[in-house]
């Protein structure tokens, strides 16, 4: 039977064999929520890159460029890391280059060996789960975390996806069980559950309250971003 596992931080990815796995990368606050929102609002493609320098090189080639470090927009780039920035009609059909502190780095780490790399968020949880139910491969949920450390919101998404797939996939590893049980405790009040988490406090200090509540919404979009080569497109 196919299985689902959770990697709680990219620094642990080397412990997982992903050659026969679809990797679902999640960075709830806020990279994968932005990507999902962007495709839902008509963006054509997103190239996720690990470094600011790579993003700048693509900007010089004509890409709309989004760069974030430490939850703030990098000076000189077109877009930040708020999902609301991707609801602009001027971005319909756009090709975007994006780098973020954690999310795009996680995608670049996973792409070399995974069967496929998908982008997951609470915003497209149901769409991702429905797609995976039709697949024959194992699944690994890769939580982007924060600079190599585990974070709460990504772990909760992992638990939500495990819960959604528990009848179709074997849940055998403790990291998946931990995430699933934590989501079971949290799902009635996700906002309250994450209120004291490190990244929520970080965003609140920057006055980014509305992004937090937006990114915790379930199934707002029926879109599944998938990596084709080095480029994300809507499946």
Foldseek 3Di string as FASTA:
>chain_A
DAAEAEDQALVCCVVDQALQAAEAEEDLLPALVLVQLLQLQAAFWEFQDADPVVQVVVVVVPAQEEEEELQFTDPPHRHYGFSVRNNDNVRHHGYYYYYYQFRSVSVVSPPPRHPWYKYDALQALVLVLVVVLPDDTHYYYYYRDGPGDGWDRSLLSLLVSCVSCVVRHPHDDVSNVVSVVVNVVQVVPVCVVCVPTDVNVSCVVVVNNVRVVVRNHHHNDNWMWIDDPSMTGTD
